[in-house]
């Protein structure tokens, strides 16, 4: 007698069995379900397809491939959508305040649909910055068998034989303002920077988070560096559909994969690649979703021992496509594993351990300079540096990739908002040696902790990238570089010390001593705090009002639950 097949309908059986559920099934029959389908597990495909950004414009095709993989494995697949917003398009505008809150909207919406429809497992496909951690937060909360797939990186733009990307366009604004390029050249950069589908090409937030998720074991090997426009990316999605069915058969859930050690693997890879500061915010939030105790102290600990080896933009020369062509993220992870930097026994969505996945991965070629040997790194320690001091008692984050200047002390130039600071930079009111303070842009004060690629890119374009400091309780794009410090906590809106800084106060940023200090006495600080009053929230209803009421400190991942 053959062994009875395990019933994988761990939740959808609520709908697919019993006379009383005939009306429920009638609705599904309208979408093509048959008697046979009701005997199969119902597996969702969370698609972030949208025409609001090139990062996600192709994900409808990818979702259909995941659906095909699920069906051929033996599941009953259903595609559903969630939102995305484009950071690059909203950057520098009021719209940027909605970017980080969209992470929570995405997580909440996926959690809502999967729970409401009693799905048994999930494939989630993300592209732009916030929908990846949004997907992962939902996966963590649901704790159903799941695989994440990255939509893939964009191809480099080409202009006069050189590679350019979206950050080139932002920096061209600063060059144009400084008179280094004319209107025609600015227009040429604009027209060539983004050639088609895929997420921003450097080691910015999208590629950083995709790499971190692969290192964490929640996406298939190699999928984080496979380009958006390639047969490999379609294959990633098809295989993810088959893989999630195997996870359901094996009873493997995300919390078995996303352990503290798995998060340490993710942080290690981010440091080695020179990833975005946003990884700190997002990984802490994802860890919160699976009840793993992850703090900025863990990033600080790992930063001190992991070298920066990948020469990737924004601090370096290359983009994700270049990394893919020499062996991709698996090649870098194999190097790190062999040197003892990764936990090889961590379980992954293949059902195998990380070490098993990497066993047959060839070493990176010797005749390339995208990734340096561990013996000759770009930097002996990781480039994401946690700073503390009387200006940031709960911590702040700096990215030191590609910088030669490690320290600055200068007079504060204080702005209550990004727009005023940007105008001052464009109007040549910021001088070499200044330390720009942009405040009331934190999770509550922004609200939404907007990214500040515009002012940082303009500073670089004007030649001031390493000649001035910039400190904010907001965030920076993964494309930002320079002497910039973000995530200052506590934020100004709740009375953090950044709210008390005045024009002309001397401020020090020091990445080597990890110091962020305003040079005033404790007595003066106390007097200013006593006189300070919180300004009213900028929004009194709607999404941003709700967000401001719920959101926690940046040092806690800006979570809302």
Protein backbone atom coordinates (compact mmCIF):
# COMPACT_ATOMS: atom_id res chain seq x y z
CA UNK A 1 0.00 0.00 0.00
CA UNK A 2 1.40 3.43 -0.94
CA UNK A 3 1.92 6.00 1.77
CA UNK A 4 -0.83 8.61 1.91
CA UNK A 5 0.35 11.99 0.65
CA UNK A 6 0.63 14.70 3.28
CA UNK A 7 -2.17 17.30 3.11
CA UNK A 8 -0.40 20.63 2.60
CA UNK A 9 -3.57 22.72 3.00
CA UNK A 10 -2.45 23.99 6.39
CA UNK A 11 -4.89 26.92 6.26
CA UNK A 12 -6.75 26.87 2.94
CA UNK A 13 -8.60 23.75 4.14
CA UNK A 14 -10.76 26.28 6.01
CA UNK A 15 -12.23 27.11 2.58
CA UNK A 16 -11.68 24.03 0.43
CA UNK A 17 -13.56 21.45 2.49
CA UNK A 18 -17.15 21.11 3.71
CA UNK A 19 -20.63 21.81 2.39
CA UNK A 20 -20.84 25.08 4.30
CA UNK A 21 -17.90 26.46 2.29
CA UNK A 22 -19.60 26.03 -1.10
CA UNK A 23 -20.16 29.81 -1.43
CA UNK A 24 -16.47 30.47 -0.66
CA UNK A 25 -15.40 27.99 -3.32
CA UNK A 26 -17.89 29.42 -5.80
CA UNK A 27 -15.95 32.69 -5.75
CA UNK A 28 -12.69 30.88 -6.48
CA UNK A 29 -14.30 28.89 -9.31
CA UNK A 30 -14.97 32.21 -11.03
CA UNK A 31 -11.19 32.62 -11.18
CA UNK A 32 -10.65 29.19 -12.71
CA UNK A 33 -10.34 26.90 -9.68
CA UNK A 34 -11.43 23.31 -10.23
CA UNK A 35 -12.27 20.38 -7.97
CA UNK A 36 -8.65 19.29 -8.33
CA UNK A 37 -7.32 22.71 -7.29
CA UNK A 38 -9.22 22.56 -4.01
CA UNK A 39 -7.13 19.51 -3.05
CA UNK A 40 -3.92 21.52 -3.46
CA UNK A 41 -2.30 24.08 -1.13
CA UNK A 42 -3.21 27.65 -2.00
CA UNK A 43 0.02 29.62 -2.49
CA UNK A 44 0.07 33.38 -2.91
CA UNK A 45 2.35 35.39 -5.18
CA UNK A 46 2.69 38.90 -3.76
CA UNK A 47 3.55 41.06 -6.76
CA UNK A 48 4.76 44.64 -6.41
CA UNK A 49 4.23 45.30 -10.13
CA UNK A 50 3.64 48.93 -10.93
CA UNK A 51 4.21 51.49 -13.63
CA UNK A 52 5.35 54.15 -11.15
CA UNK A 53 9.00 53.07 -11.21
CA UNK A 54 11.40 51.19 -13.51
CA UNK A 55 12.34 49.03 -10.52
CA UNK A 56 8.96 47.27 -10.66
CA UNK A 57 7.67 47.76 -14.22
CA UNK A 58 8.53 44.16 -15.24
CA UNK A 59 7.41 42.32 -12.11
CA UNK A 60 4.07 41.29 -13.64
CA UNK A 61 6.02 38.95 -15.96
CA UNK A 62 8.06 37.66 -13.02
CA UNK A 63 4.93 36.97 -10.96
CA UNK A 64 3.52 34.85 -13.78
CA UNK A 65 6.73 32.79 -13.82
CA UNK A 66 6.46 32.23 -10.05
CA UNK A 67 2.84 31.18 -10.59
CA UNK A 68 3.92 28.67 -13.25
CA UNK A 69 6.53 27.21 -10.91
CA UNK A 70 3.99 26.82 -8.11
CA UNK A 71 1.44 25.15 -10.39
CA UNK A 72 3.98 22.72 -11.86
CA UNK A 73 5.16 21.81 -8.36
CA UNK A 74 1.62 20.91 -7.32
CA UNK A 75 0.18 24.07 -5.74
CA UNK A 76 -2.81 26.26 -6.54
CA UNK A 77 -1.26 29.72 -7.11
CA UNK A 78 -2.96 33.11 -6.79
CA UNK A 79 -1.27 36.40 -7.74
CA UNK A 80 -2.18 39.51 -5.78
CA UNK A 81 -0.69 42.98 -5.85
CA UNK A 82 0.51 45.50 -3.36
CA UNK A 83 1.74 49.06 -3.81
CA UNK A 84 5.13 50.56 -4.36
CA UNK A 85 6.42 54.11 -4.53
CA UNK A 86 9.48 55.34 -6.38
CA UNK A 87 12.11 56.89 -4.15
CA UNK A 88 13.98 58.27 -7.16
CA UNK A 89 10.90 60.06 -8.51
CA UNK A 90 9.67 61.35 -5.16
CA UNK A 91 13.17 62.38 -3.97
CA UNK A 92 13.41 65.99 -2.85
CA UNK A 93 9.64 66.51 -2.88
CA UNK A 94 6.83 66.22 -0.35
CA UNK A 95 6.24 62.75 -1.80
CA UNK A 96 9.44 61.45 -0.20
CA UNK A 97 7.70 61.58 3.19
CA UNK A 98 5.54 58.67 2.04
CA UNK A 99 8.49 56.41 1.15
CA UNK A 100 9.32 54.80 4.51
CA UNK A 101 5.64 54.61 5.54
CA UNK A 102 5.05 52.66 2.33
CA UNK A 103 7.17 49.87 3.84
CA UNK A 104 4.55 49.45 6.56
CA UNK A 105 1.64 49.74 4.10
CA UNK A 106 3.20 46.98 1.98
CA UNK A 107 3.83 44.72 4.98
CA UNK A 108 0.34 45.30 6.34
CA UNK A 109 -1.30 44.67 2.96
CA UNK A 110 0.51 41.39 2.31
CA UNK A 111 -0.23 40.20 5.86
CA UNK A 112 -3.87 41.19 5.36
CA UNK A 113 -4.39 39.40 2.04
CA UNK A 114 -2.58 36.18 2.99
CA UNK A 115 -4.48 35.93 6.27
CA UNK A 116 -7.86 36.94 4.83
CA UNK A 117 -7.64 34.44 1.95
CA UNK A 118 -6.23 31.64 4.16
CA UNK A 119 -3.18 31.06 1.96
CA UNK A 120 -0.76 28.30 2.92
CA UNK A 121 2.52 29.75 1.63
CA UNK A 122 3.91 32.77 -0.19
CA UNK A 123 6.32 33.95 -2.88
CA UNK A 124 6.95 37.71 -2.64
CA UNK A 125 8.62 39.67 -5.44
CA UNK A 126 10.07 43.13 -4.75
CA UNK A 127 12.04 45.73 -6.66
CA UNK A 128 12.34 49.27 -5.28
CA UNK A 129 13.78 50.02 -1.86
CA UNK A 130 10.82 49.80 0.51
CA UNK A 131 8.90 46.93 -0.98
CA UNK A 132 11.71 44.48 -0.22
CA UNK A 133 11.78 45.02 3.55
CA UNK A 134 7.99 45.44 3.39
CA UNK A 135 7.70 41.95 1.89
CA UNK A 136 10.14 40.56 4.44
CA UNK A 137 8.34 42.10 7.43
CA UNK A 138 5.11 40.50 6.21
CA UNK A 139 6.85 37.15 5.67
CA UNK A 140 8.22 37.35 9.20
CA UNK A 141 4.87 38.16 10.77
CA UNK A 142 3.02 35.45 8.83
CA UNK A 143 5.64 32.75 9.45
CA UNK A 144 4.30 30.64 6.60
CA UNK A 145 6.64 28.88 4.14
CA UNK A 146 7.93 31.69 1.93
CA UNK A 147 10.55 32.69 -0.63
CA UNK A 148 11.50 36.25 -1.56
CA UNK A 149 12.57 37.12 -5.12
CA UNK A 150 14.34 40.34 -6.10
CA UNK A 151 13.18 41.90 -9.37
CA UNK A 152 16.79 42.55 -10.28
CA UNK A 153 19.18 45.39 -10.98
CA UNK A 154 18.94 47.79 -13.92
CA UNK A 155 21.56 47.79 -16.66
CA UNK A 156 23.98 50.73 -16.54
CA UNK A 157 23.13 53.76 -18.64
CA UNK A 158 25.69 54.65 -21.28
CA UNK A 159 26.88 58.16 -22.11
CA UNK A 160 29.98 58.87 -24.20
CA UNK A 161 31.32 55.39 -23.50
CA UNK A 162 30.98 55.60 -19.71
CA UNK A 163 28.49 53.99 -17.35
CA UNK A 164 26.03 56.31 -15.62
CA UNK A 165 23.01 55.78 -13.38
CA UNK A 166 20.32 57.67 -11.46
CA UNK A 167 22.85 59.07 -8.96
CA UNK A 168 24.78 60.51 -11.94
CA UNK A 169 21.64 62.50 -12.73
CA UNK A 170 21.31 63.82 -9.17
CA UNK A 171 25.00 64.78 -9.10
CA UNK A 172 24.65 66.44 -12.51
CA UNK A 173 22.20 68.88 -10.90
CA UNK A 174 25.02 70.04 -8.62
CA UNK A 175 27.45 70.22 -11.56
CA UNK A 176 24.92 72.26 -13.50
CA UNK A 177 24.40 74.61 -10.57
CA UNK A 178 28.17 75.05 -10.24
CA UNK A 179 28.43 75.90 -13.95
CA UNK A 180 30.45 72.76 -14.72
CA UNK A 181 27.93 71.50 -17.29
CA UNK A 182 25.32 73.29 -19.40
CA UNK A 183 21.60 72.65 -20.00
CA UNK A 184 22.29 70.40 -22.97
CA UNK A 185 24.67 68.15 -21.04
CA UNK A 186 22.28 67.92 -18.07
CA UNK A 187 19.53 66.85 -20.47
CA UNK A 188 21.80 64.20 -22.02
CA UNK A 189 22.51 62.73 -18.56
CA UNK A 190 18.78 62.75 -17.78
CA UNK A 191 17.96 60.91 -21.02
CA UNK A 192 20.61 58.18 -20.65
CA UNK A 193 20.74 57.43 -16.89
CA UNK A 194 17.95 54.80 -16.71
CA UNK A 195 17.80 52.55 -19.80
CA UNK A 196 14.98 50.20 -18.75
CA UNK A 197 13.57 47.89 -16.07
CA UNK A 198 15.32 47.17 -12.80
CA UNK A 199 16.38 48.79 -9.55
CA UNK A 200 19.08 51.47 -9.22
CA UNK A 201 22.35 49.91 -10.31
CA UNK A 202 24.93 50.65 -7.60
CA UNK A 203 25.17 49.17 -4.12
CA UNK A 204 22.30 51.42 -3.15
CA UNK A 205 19.39 50.35 -0.94
CA UNK A 206 17.65 47.97 -3.38
CA UNK A 207 20.75 45.94 -4.23
CA UNK A 208 21.88 46.11 -0.59
CA UNK A 209 18.62 44.65 0.70
CA UNK A 210 18.46 42.02 -2.04
CA UNK A 211 21.98 40.90 -1.10
CA UNK A 212 21.15 40.90 2.62
CA UNK A 213 18.03 38.79 2.06
CA UNK A 214 20.03 36.23 0.08
CA UNK A 215 22.67 36.11 2.82
CA UNK A 216 19.88 35.63 5.34
CA UNK A 217 18.79 32.54 3.43
CA UNK A 218 15.38 33.84 2.35
CA UNK A 219 16.01 33.97 -1.41
CA UNK A 220 17.54 31.49 -3.82
CA UNK A 221 21.32 31.51 -4.34
CA UNK A 222 22.43 34.03 -6.96
CA UNK A 223 19.03 35.69 -7.30
CA UNK A 224 20.08 38.96 -5.67
CA UNK A 225 22.67 39.77 -8.33
CA UNK A 226 20.91 38.38 -11.42
CA UNK A 227 19.92 41.36 -13.63
CA UNK A 228 16.29 42.40 -14.14
CA UNK A 229 16.42 41.94 -17.91
CA UNK A 230 17.74 38.40 -18.23
CA UNK A 231 16.52 34.80 -18.60
CA UNK A 232 18.16 34.19 -15.22
CA UNK A 233 15.65 36.46 -13.50
CA UNK A 234 12.68 34.63 -15.05
CA UNK A 235 14.30 31.38 -13.91
CA UNK A 236 14.70 32.77 -10.36
CA UNK A 237 10.93 33.29 -10.16
CA UNK A 238 10.01 29.92 -11.63
CA UNK A 239 12.38 28.17 -9.23
CA UNK A 240 11.06 30.20 -6.29
CA UNK A 241 7.58 28.84 -7.05
CA UNK A 242 8.90 25.28 -6.93
CA UNK A 243 11.02 26.00 -3.84
CA UNK A 244 8.13 27.35 -1.79
CA UNK A 245 6.18 24.15 -2.43
CA UNK A 246 9.15 22.10 -1.15
CA UNK A 247 9.30 24.30 1.97
CA UNK A 248 5.61 23.60 2.56
CA UNK A 249 6.24 19.86 2.19
CA UNK A 250 9.17 20.05 4.63
CA UNK A 251 7.36 22.29 7.09
CA UNK A 252 10.16 24.89 6.99
CA UNK A 253 9.02 28.37 8.03
CA UNK A 254 10.78 31.77 7.97
CA UNK A 255 11.49 31.86 11.69
CA UNK A 256 13.52 28.67 11.33
CA UNK A 257 15.63 30.48 8.71
CA UNK A 258 15.74 34.07 10.03
CA UNK A 259 17.71 33.41 13.20
CA UNK A 260 20.11 35.79 14.93
CA UNK A 261 22.98 34.07 13.10
CA UNK A 262 21.22 34.59 9.75
CA UNK A 263 20.92 38.32 10.47
CA UNK A 264 24.61 38.38 11.36
CA UNK A 265 25.33 36.84 7.94
CA UNK A 266 23.26 39.57 6.30
CA UNK A 267 25.09 42.33 8.19
CA UNK A 268 28.47 40.79 7.32
CA UNK A 269 27.68 40.77 3.60
CA UNK A 270 26.34 44.35 3.72
CA UNK A 271 29.57 45.52 5.35
CA UNK A 272 31.74 43.64 2.85
CA UNK A 273 29.81 45.06 -0.11
CA UNK A 274 29.67 48.62 1.26
CA UNK A 275 25.88 48.67 1.40
CA UNK A 276 23.33 51.34 2.19
CA UNK A 277 22.76 52.86 5.64
CA UNK A 278 19.10 51.93 5.17
CA UNK A 279 20.06 48.29 5.72
CA UNK A 280 20.41 49.07 9.42
CA UNK A 281 16.88 50.46 9.64
CA UNK A 282 15.33 47.67 7.59
CA UNK A 283 17.16 44.69 9.08
CA UNK A 284 16.24 45.82 12.60
CA UNK A 285 12.60 46.11 11.49
CA UNK A 286 12.63 42.64 9.85
CA UNK A 287 14.22 41.17 12.99
CA UNK A 288 11.46 42.77 15.07
CA UNK A 289 8.90 40.93 12.90
CA UNK A 290 10.43 37.55 13.81
CA UNK A 291 11.21 38.40 17.45
CA UNK A 292 14.99 38.38 16.97
CA UNK A 293 16.80 40.81 19.24
CA UNK A 294 18.83 42.87 16.76
CA UNK A 295 20.16 46.32 17.67
CA UNK A 296 22.58 48.89 16.30
CA UNK A 297 25.13 47.41 18.71
CA UNK A 298 25.17 44.25 16.57
CA UNK A 299 26.02 46.34 13.52
CA UNK A 300 28.74 48.11 15.50
CA UNK A 301 30.22 44.77 16.62
CA UNK A 302 30.27 43.26 13.13
CA UNK A 303 31.50 46.48 11.48
CA UNK A 304 34.66 46.34 13.55
CA UNK A 305 35.71 42.93 12.21
CA UNK A 306 34.47 42.74 8.60
CA UNK A 307 36.53 44.42 5.85
CA UNK A 308 35.00 46.39 3.00
CA UNK A 309 36.07 44.61 -0.20
CA UNK A 310 33.62 45.54 -3.01
CA UNK A 311 34.45 48.61 -5.11
CA UNK A 312 30.82 49.47 -5.83
CA UNK A 313 29.00 52.77 -6.27
CA UNK A 314 28.26 55.20 -4.69
CA UNK A 315 31.64 55.18 -2.96
CA UNK A 316 33.34 53.07 -5.64
CA UNK A 317 33.50 52.51 -9.39
CA UNK A 318 31.29 49.55 -10.27
CA UNK A 319 27.62 48.53 -10.31
CA UNK A 320 25.70 45.34 -9.52
CA UNK A 321 25.81 44.22 -13.16
CA UNK A 322 29.62 44.16 -12.90
CA UNK A 323 29.44 42.07 -9.73
CA UNK A 324 27.05 39.67 -11.45
CA UNK A 325 29.46 39.20 -14.35
CA UNK A 326 32.32 38.04 -12.09
CA UNK A 327 30.30 35.59 -10.00
CA UNK A 328 27.73 37.66 -8.14
CA UNK A 329 26.74 37.60 -4.51
CA UNK A 330 27.42 33.83 -4.15
CA UNK A 331 31.05 34.40 -5.13
CA UNK A 332 31.46 37.05 -2.43
CA UNK A 333 29.67 34.90 0.15
CA UNK A 334 31.90 31.92 -0.69
CA UNK A 335 34.96 34.10 -0.05
CA UNK A 336 33.54 35.27 3.28
CA UNK A 337 32.50 31.76 4.33
CA UNK A 338 35.89 30.26 3.53
CA UNK A 339 37.53 32.98 5.65
CA UNK A 340 35.25 32.27 8.61
CA UNK A 341 33.09 35.39 8.45
CA UNK A 342 29.72 33.64 7.88
CA UNK A 343 27.70 31.08 9.84
CA UNK A 344 27.65 28.22 7.35
CA UNK A 345 25.18 26.07 9.29
CA UNK A 346 22.24 28.47 8.83
CA UNK A 347 19.18 26.95 7.11
CA UNK A 348 18.00 28.53 3.82
CA UNK A 349 14.96 28.39 1.52
CA UNK A 350 16.64 25.65 -0.53
CA UNK A 351 16.17 23.37 2.47
CA UNK A 352 19.96 23.19 2.69
CA UNK A 353 22.42 25.12 4.80
CA UNK A 354 24.29 28.17 3.58
CA UNK A 355 27.51 26.16 3.40
CA UNK A 356 25.80 23.45 1.33
CA UNK A 357 24.47 26.07 -1.09
CA UNK A 358 27.95 27.54 -1.55
CA UNK A 359 29.85 24.24 -1.70
CA UNK A 360 30.33 24.18 -5.48
CA UNK A 361 30.46 27.95 -6.10
CA UNK A 362 33.72 28.77 -7.91
CA UNK A 363 36.05 31.42 -6.47
CA UNK A 364 35.92 34.93 -7.90
CA UNK A 365 38.32 35.39 -10.84
CA UNK A 366 41.77 36.68 -9.99
CA UNK A 367 41.83 39.06 -12.96
CA UNK A 368 39.09 41.43 -11.76
CA UNK A 369 39.05 44.46 -9.47
CA UNK A 370 35.34 44.70 -8.61
CA UNK A 371 35.94 42.76 -5.39
CA UNK A 372 39.28 43.02 -3.63
CA UNK A 373 40.95 40.12 -1.79
CA UNK A 374 40.30 40.01 1.95
CA UNK A 375 44.04 40.51 2.39
CA UNK A 376 43.90 43.84 0.53
CA UNK A 377 40.53 45.46 1.35
CA UNK A 378 39.33 48.93 0.47
CA UNK A 379 38.90 49.47 4.20
CA UNK A 380 39.96 47.26 7.12
CA UNK A 381 36.54 47.58 8.76
CA UNK A 382 32.98 47.93 7.48
CA UNK A 383 31.96 51.31 6.06
CA UNK A 384 28.65 51.60 7.96
CA UNK A 385 29.72 53.22 11.20
CA UNK A 386 27.56 53.74 14.30
CA UNK A 387 28.23 57.12 15.93
CA UNK A 388 27.23 58.27 19.38
CA UNK A 389 27.70 61.35 21.50
CA UNK A 390 25.75 64.18 23.08
CA UNK A 391 24.15 64.86 19.68
CA UNK A 392 22.91 61.27 19.27
CA UNK A 393 22.58 59.41 22.59
CA UNK A 394 20.63 56.56 20.90
CA UNK A 395 23.04 56.46 17.98
CA UNK A 396 23.37 57.61 14.38
CA UNK A 397 24.74 56.07 11.17
CA UNK A 398 27.49 57.22 8.79
CA UNK A 399 28.68 55.57 5.58
CA UNK A 400 32.41 55.98 5.08
CA UNK A 401 32.85 54.08 1.79
CA UNK A 402 35.28 55.75 -0.57
CA UNK A 403 36.01 58.72 1.71
CA UNK A 404 39.49 60.03 2.44
CA UNK A 405 38.32 62.53 5.08
CA UNK A 406 37.30 60.75 8.28
CA UNK A 407 36.67 63.72 10.58
CA UNK A 408 35.32 67.26 10.52
CA UNK A 409 34.73 69.91 13.16
CA UNK A 410 32.94 73.00 11.99
CA UNK A 411 30.21 75.54 12.68
CA UNK A 412 26.65 74.29 12.49
CA UNK A 413 24.39 75.57 9.72
CA UNK A 414 20.95 74.66 11.04
CA UNK A 415 17.86 74.07 8.87
CA UNK A 416 14.42 72.93 10.00
CA UNK A 417 13.79 70.85 6.90
CA UNK A 418 15.45 69.57 3.73
CA UNK A 419 14.10 72.17 1.31
CA UNK A 420 15.65 75.12 3.12
CA UNK A 421 19.01 73.33 3.25
CA UNK A 422 18.89 72.44 -0.45
CA UNK A 423 18.15 76.04 -1.40
CA UNK A 424 21.06 77.27 0.74
CA UNK A 425 23.42 74.80 -1.00
CA UNK A 426 22.21 75.83 -4.47
CA UNK A 427 22.56 79.52 -3.52
CA UNK A 428 26.21 79.04 -2.44
CA UNK A 429 25.42 79.83 1.20
CA UNK A 430 27.26 76.72 2.44
CA UNK A 431 31.02 77.05 2.70
CA UNK A 432 33.86 74.59 3.07
CA UNK A 433 34.16 73.46 6.71
CA UNK A 434 30.46 73.94 7.55
CA UNK A 435 28.42 71.19 9.21
CA UNK A 436 24.86 71.25 7.88
CA UNK A 437 22.14 70.19 10.33
CA UNK A 438 18.81 69.15 8.78
CA UNK A 439 16.30 68.38 11.49
CA UNK A 440 12.59 67.73 12.05
CA UNK A 441 12.89 65.13 9.28
CA UNK A 442 12.82 62.02 11.50
CA UNK A 443 10.20 59.26 11.63
CA UNK A 444 7.71 61.45 13.51
CA UNK A 445 9.00 64.88 12.57
CA UNK A 446 9.22 64.37 8.81
CA UNK A 447 7.01 62.52 9.13
CA UNK A 448 8.33 59.48 7.34
CA UNK A 449 12.07 60.08 7.67
CA UNK A 450 12.64 61.23 4.06
CA UNK A 451 15.85 60.40 2.22
CA UNK A 452 18.15 63.26 1.27
CA UNK A 453 19.80 62.28 -1.97
CA UNK A 454 19.17 65.71 -3.48
CA UNK A 455 21.28 67.81 -1.07
CA UNK A 456 24.04 65.19 -0.76
CA UNK A 457 24.29 64.69 -4.53
CA UNK A 458 24.30 68.46 -5.14
CA UNK A 459 27.13 68.85 -2.62
CA UNK A 460 29.13 66.17 -4.46
CA UNK A 461 28.35 67.79 -7.80
CA UNK A 462 29.58 71.15 -6.50
CA UNK A 463 32.81 69.61 -5.21
CA UNK A 464 31.87 69.87 -1.53
CA UNK A 465 31.25 66.16 -0.84
CA UNK A 466 34.17 65.79 1.59
CA UNK A 467 34.51 69.47 2.50
CA UNK A 468 31.33 69.88 4.53
CA UNK A 469 29.49 67.64 6.99
CA UNK A 470 25.77 66.89 6.91
CA UNK A 471 23.81 65.55 9.88
CA UNK A 472 20.11 64.71 9.92
CA UNK A 473 17.46 62.84 11.87
CA UNK A 474 16.14 61.82 8.45
CA UNK A 475 17.64 59.20 6.15
CA UNK A 476 19.98 59.09 3.21
CA UNK A 477 19.50 57.30 -0.06
CA UNK A 478 21.73 54.34 -0.70
CA UNK A 479 23.11 56.56 -3.44
CA UNK A 480 24.28 59.25 -1.01
CA UNK A 481 27.94 59.61 -0.17
CA UNK A 482 30.12 62.17 1.51
CA UNK A 483 30.58 63.17 5.16
CA UNK A 484 26.94 62.44 5.91
CA UNK A 485 25.33 61.17 9.13
CA UNK A 486 21.69 60.09 9.32
CA UNK A 487 19.23 58.33 11.63
CA UNK A 488 20.18 60.67 14.50
CA UNK A 489 18.22 59.49 17.53
CA UNK A 490 16.35 60.69 19.45
CA UNK A 491 14.94 62.84 16.64
CA UNK A 492 14.19 66.55 16.91
CA UNK A 493 10.40 66.10 17.06
CA UNK A 494 10.64 64.28 20.40
CA UNK A 495 13.21 66.69 21.85
CA UNK A 496 16.41 64.94 20.87
CA UNK A 497 19.60 67.01 21.22
CA UNK A 498 19.61 67.73 17.46
CA UNK A 499 16.62 70.01 18.16
CA UNK A 500 18.79 72.12 20.47
CA UNK A 501 21.71 72.91 18.14
CA UNK A 502 22.05 76.55 17.07
CA UNK A 503 23.78 78.21 14.15
CA UNK A 504 27.48 78.58 14.87
CA UNK A 505 27.76 75.81 17.47
CA UNK A 506 30.87 73.75 16.80
CA UNK A 507 30.00 70.19 15.79
CA UNK A 508 32.30 67.19 15.32
CA UNK A 509 31.77 64.14 13.13
CA UNK A 510 34.54 61.58 13.71
CA UNK A 511 34.21 58.15 12.12
CA UNK A 512 37.34 56.79 13.78
CA UNK A 513 36.35 57.63 17.37
CA UNK A 514 32.67 57.14 16.37
CA UNK A 515 31.83 60.50 17.87
CA UNK A 516 28.97 62.87 17.07
CA UNK A 517 29.26 65.86 19.35
CA UNK A 518 28.03 69.42 19.66
CA UNK A 519 30.58 71.40 21.66
CA UNK A 520 28.40 73.05 24.29
CA UNK A 521 28.30 72.43 28.04
CA UNK A 522 25.83 70.14 29.75
CA UNK A 523 24.44 73.20 31.55
CA UNK A 524 23.83 75.00 28.24
CA UNK A 525 22.22 71.89 26.79
CA UNK A 526 19.90 71.61 29.82
CA UNK A 527 18.93 75.28 29.56
CA UNK A 528 18.08 74.93 25.87
CA UNK A 529 16.08 71.78 26.55
CA UNK A 530 14.04 73.57 29.20
CA UNK A 531 13.19 76.33 26.73
CA UNK A 532 12.37 73.96 23.85
CA UNK A 533 8.80 73.22 22.79
CA UNK A 534 7.74 70.52 20.36
CA UNK A 535 6.28 71.91 17.13
CA UNK A 536 2.91 70.54 16.03
CA UNK A 537 2.97 67.50 13.76
CA UNK A 538 3.01 68.52 10.11
CA UNK A 539 -0.05 66.40 9.29
CA UNK A 540 -3.22 66.11 11.34
CA UNK A 541 -4.97 63.28 9.49
CA UNK A 542 -4.41 60.59 6.90
CA UNK A 543 -1.54 58.15 6.34
CA UNK A 544 1.25 60.39 7.62
CA UNK A 545 -0.68 61.38 10.75
CA UNK A 546 -1.34 57.73 11.62
CA UNK A 547 2.28 56.90 10.91
CA UNK A 548 3.61 59.70 13.13
CA UNK A 549 1.42 58.48 15.99
CA UNK A 550 2.68 54.90 15.81
CA UNK A 551 6.28 54.99 14.58
CA UNK A 552 9.19 54.19 16.87
CA UNK A 553 12.72 55.62 16.91
CA UNK A 554 15.10 55.02 13.99
CA UNK A 555 17.32 53.13 16.44
CA UNK A 556 14.45 50.62 16.74
CA UNK A 557 13.95 50.27 13.00
CA UNK A 558 11.14 52.86 12.76
CA UNK A 559 8.63 50.05 13.26
CA UNK A 560 4.93 50.77 13.76
CA UNK A 561 3.81 47.61 15.56
